[in-house]
C-alpha atoms as a PDB file:
ATOM      1  CA  MET A   1     133.971 115.922 103.248  1.00  0.00           C
ATOM      2  CA  LYS A   2     133.928 114.700 106.858  1.00  0.00           C
ATOM      3  CA  TYR A   3     131.382 117.400 107.719  1.00  0.00           C
ATOM      4  CA  CYS A   4     129.120 116.238 104.860  1.00  0.00           C
ATOM      5  CA  LYS A   5     129.135 112.642 106.164  1.00  0.00           C
ATOM      6  CA  HIS A   6     128.103 113.792 109.636  1.00  0.00           C
ATOM      7  CA  VAL A   7     125.256 115.884 108.211  1.00  0.00           C
ATOM      8  CA  ILE A   8     124.010 112.934 106.159  1.00  0.00           C
ATOM      9  CA  ILE A   9     124.097 110.667 109.231  1.00  0.00           C
ATOM     10  CA  ILE A  10     122.222 113.222 111.361  1.00  0.00           C
ATOM     11  CA  ILE A  11     119.568 113.756 108.661  1.00  0.00           C
ATOM     12  CA  SER A  12     119.175 109.987 108.225  1.00  0.00           C
ATOM     13  CA  LEU A  13     118.704 109.481 111.951  1.00  0.00           C
ATOM     14  CA  PHE A  14     116.157 112.289 112.091  1.00  0.00           C
ATOM     15  CA  ILE A  15     114.156 110.871 109.178  1.00  0.00           C
ATOM     16  CA  THR A  16     114.129 107.344 110.631  1.00  0.00           C
ATOM     17  CA  THR A  17     112.742 108.616 113.924  1.00  0.00           C
ATOM     18  CA  LEU A  18     109.815 110.218 112.041  1.00  0.00           C
ATOM     19  CA  ALA A  19     109.082 107.163 109.896  1.00  0.00           C
ATOM     20  CA  LYS A  20     106.407 104.800 111.168  1.00  0.00           C
ATOM     21  CA  ALA A  21     105.759 101.418 109.607  1.00  0.00           C
ATOM     22  CA  ASP A  22     102.093 100.571 109.938  1.00  0.00           C
ATOM     23  CA  GLU A  23     101.849  97.412 107.937  1.00  0.00           C
ATOM     24  CA  GLY A  24     103.150  93.912 107.955  1.00  0.00           C
ATOM     25  CA  MET A  25     101.921  90.535 108.973  1.00  0.00           C
ATOM     26  CA  TRP A  26      99.239  90.544 111.645  1.00  0.00           C
ATOM     27  CA  LEU A  27      98.329  87.342 113.437  1.00  0.00           C
ATOM     28  CA  PRO A  28      94.817  86.378 112.298  1.00  0.00           C
ATOM     29  CA  GLN A  29      93.836  84.870 115.634  1.00  0.00           C
ATOM     30  CA  LEU A  30      94.683  88.175 117.373  1.00  0.00           C
ATOM     31  CA  LEU A  31      92.943  90.575 114.966  1.00  0.00           C
ATOM     32  CA  ALA A  32      89.939  91.135 117.250  1.00  0.00           C
ATOM     33  CA  GLN A  33      92.099  91.959 120.278  1.00  0.00           C
ATOM     34  CA  LEU A  34      94.915  93.903 118.628  1.00  0.00           C
ATOM     35  CA  ASN A  35      93.859  95.340 115.276  1.00  0.00           C
ATOM     36  CA  GLU A  36      90.090  95.439 114.742  1.00  0.00           C
ATOM     37  CA  LYS A  37      89.563  98.915 116.190  1.00  0.00           C
ATOM     38  CA  GLN A  38      92.347 100.380 114.034  1.00  0.00           C
ATOM     39  CA  MET A  39      91.124  98.521 110.947  1.00  0.00           C
ATOM     40  CA  LYS A  40      87.570  99.829 111.501  1.00  0.00           C
ATOM     41  CA  SER A  41      88.904 103.387 111.854  1.00  0.00           C
ATOM     42  CA  MET A  42      90.587 102.938 108.478  1.00  0.00           C
ATOM     43  CA  GLY A  43      87.305 101.936 106.836  1.00  0.00           C
ATOM     44  CA  MET A  44      87.008  98.172 107.276  1.00  0.00           C
ATOM     45  CA  LYS A  45      83.340  97.179 106.973  1.00  0.00           C
ATOM     46  CA  ILE A  46      83.576  93.559 108.163  1.00  0.00           C
ATOM     47  CA  SER A  47      84.450  92.235 111.597  1.00  0.00           C
ATOM     48  CA  ALA A  48      87.664  90.539 112.646  1.00  0.00           C
ATOM     49  CA  LYS A  49      85.585  87.361 113.081  1.00  0.00           C
ATOM     50  CA  ASP A  50      84.574  87.602 109.393  1.00  0.00           C
ATOM     51  CA  ILE A  51      88.274  87.514 108.562  1.00  0.00           C
ATOM     52  CA  TYR A  52      89.331  84.789 110.976  1.00  0.00           C
ATOM     53  CA  SER A  53      87.192  82.464 113.021  1.00  0.00           C
ATOM     54  CA  ILE A  54      88.673  79.159 114.109  1.00  0.00           C
ATOM     55  CA  ASN A  55      85.271  77.445 114.448  1.00  0.00           C
ATOM     56  CA  SER A  56      83.209  79.167 111.743  1.00  0.00           C
ATOM     57  CA  GLY A  57      83.482  79.931 108.069  1.00  0.00           C
ATOM     58  CA  SER A  58      85.510  83.078 107.455  1.00  0.00           C
ATOM     59  CA  LEU A  59      87.858  84.687 104.969  1.00  0.00           C
ATOM     60  CA  LYS A  60      90.606  82.301 106.097  1.00  0.00           C
ATOM     61  CA  ASP A  61      88.718  79.535 104.289  1.00  0.00           C
ATOM     62  CA  ALA A  62      89.130  81.353 100.977  1.00  0.00           C
ATOM     63  CA  ILE A  63      92.943  81.369 101.094  1.00  0.00           C
ATOM     64  CA  VAL A  64      94.758  78.966  98.784  1.00  0.00           C
ATOM     65  CA  SER A  65      98.419  78.020  98.467  1.00  0.00           C
ATOM     66  CA  PHE A  66     100.449  78.066  95.264  1.00  0.00           C
ATOM     67  CA  GLY A  67     103.250  75.529  95.625  1.00  0.00           C
ATOM     68  CA  GLY A  68     103.814  76.433  99.287  1.00  0.00           C
ATOM     69  CA  PHE A  69     105.460  79.754  98.479  1.00  0.00           C
ATOM     70  CA  CYS A  70     102.548  82.054  97.587  1.00  0.00           C
ATOM     71  CA  THR A  71      98.962  82.587  98.632  1.00  0.00           C
ATOM     72  CA  GLY A  72      95.857  83.663  96.783  1.00  0.00           C
ATOM     73  CA  GLU A  73      92.210  84.349  97.567  1.00  0.00           C
ATOM     74  CA  VAL A  74      89.192  82.624  96.062  1.00  0.00           C
ATOM     75  CA  ILE A  75      86.810  85.465  95.203  1.00  0.00           C
ATOM     76  CA  SER A  76      84.013  83.764  93.274  1.00  0.00           C
ATOM     77  CA  SER A  77      81.849  80.678  93.303  1.00  0.00           C
ATOM     78  CA  LYS A  78      83.392  79.760  89.931  1.00  0.00           C
ATOM     79  CA  GLY A  79      86.895  79.497  91.375  1.00  0.00           C
ATOM     80  CA  LEU A  80      88.365  82.877  90.402  1.00  0.00           C
ATOM     81  CA  VAL A  81      91.570  83.349  92.402  1.00  0.00           C
ATOM     82  CA  LEU A  82      93.573  86.542  92.930  1.00  0.00           C
ATOM     83  CA  THR A  83      97.277  86.392  93.674  1.00  0.00           C
ATOM     84  CA  ASN A  84     100.451  88.365  93.094  1.00  0.00           C
ATOM     85  CA  HIS A  85     101.955  88.493  89.613  1.00  0.00           C
ATOM     86  CA  HIS A  86     105.136  86.635  90.571  1.00  0.00           C
ATOM     87  CA  CYS A  87     103.138  83.711  92.000  1.00  0.00           C
ATOM     88  CA  GLY A  88     101.642  82.880  88.631  1.00  0.00           C
ATOM     89  CA  PHE A  89     104.606  83.938  86.510  1.00  0.00           C
ATOM     90  CA  ASP A  90     105.376  80.442  85.157  1.00  0.00           C
ATOM     91  CA  ASN A  91     101.757  79.828  84.170  1.00  0.00           C
ATOM     92  CA  ILE A  92     101.459  83.275  82.611  1.00  0.00           C
ATOM     93  CA  GLN A  93     104.649  82.654  80.654  1.00  0.00           C
ATOM     94  CA  ASN A  94     103.461  79.204  79.521  1.00  0.00           C
ATOM     95  CA  HIS A  95     100.266  80.747  78.091  1.00  0.00           C
ATOM     96  CA  SER A  96     102.181  83.521  76.317  1.00  0.00           C
ATOM     97  CA  THR A  97     103.373  83.484  72.723  1.00  0.00           C
ATOM     98  CA  LEU A  98     105.321  85.989  70.650  1.00  0.00           C
ATOM     99  CA  GLU A  99     102.004  87.362  69.374  1.00  0.00           C
ATOM    100  CA  ARG A 100     100.254  87.320  72.779  1.00  0.00           C
ATOM    101  CA  ASN A 101     102.800  88.379  75.390  1.00  0.00           C
ATOM    102  CA  TYR A 102     100.803  88.225  78.636  1.00  0.00           C
ATOM    103  CA  ILE A 103     103.895  88.969  80.722  1.00  0.00           C
ATOM    104  CA  ARG A 104     104.367  92.307  78.969  1.00  0.00           C
ATOM    105  CA  ASP A 105     100.759  93.178  78.074  1.00  0.00           C
ATOM    106  CA  GLY A 106      98.650  91.422  80.707  1.00  0.00           C
ATOM    107  CA  PHE A 107      95.361  89.670  80.038  1.00  0.00           C
ATOM    108  CA  TRP A 108      91.758  90.534  80.814  1.00  0.00           C
ATOM    109  CA  ALA A 109      88.870  88.175  80.119  1.00  0.00           C
ATOM    110  CA  LYS A 110      85.721  90.218  79.621  1.00  0.00           C
ATOM    111  CA  ASN A 111      83.567  87.190  80.328  1.00  0.00           C
ATOM    112  CA  TYR A 112      83.814  83.569  81.457  1.00  0.00           C
ATOM    113  CA  ALA A 113      84.082  82.269  77.874  1.00  0.00           C
ATOM    114  CA  GLU A 114      87.211  84.356  77.249  1.00  0.00           C
ATOM    115  CA  GLU A 115      89.092  82.957  80.263  1.00  0.00           C
ATOM    116  CA  ILE A 116      92.196  80.880  79.640  1.00  0.00           C
ATOM    117  CA  PRO A 117      92.129  77.461  81.341  1.00  0.00           C
END
């Protein structure tokens, strides 16, 4: 039993040395200096300045806050916002009924007229 614990510890240490986290929160004002080259190599088509520019319009201007705990992105001129499921959970639940369970089944408006206010 003692031998098994040591093997598990050694394997765990070996695996953690091979693992590499390559995500997380990058500082927008440092994207050009620290991350743009890597992001371009991964397929990014826009510049770091398109994402964040302190003095010009950029993607940063499309970010909205939901109650101070979540963010979303405005993606259309009509105000369509994308966010994570948990950020809109209360609103999704409030629009749901027993017959239309949007929490379980989701919702997709095929056109502007089908959208739920």
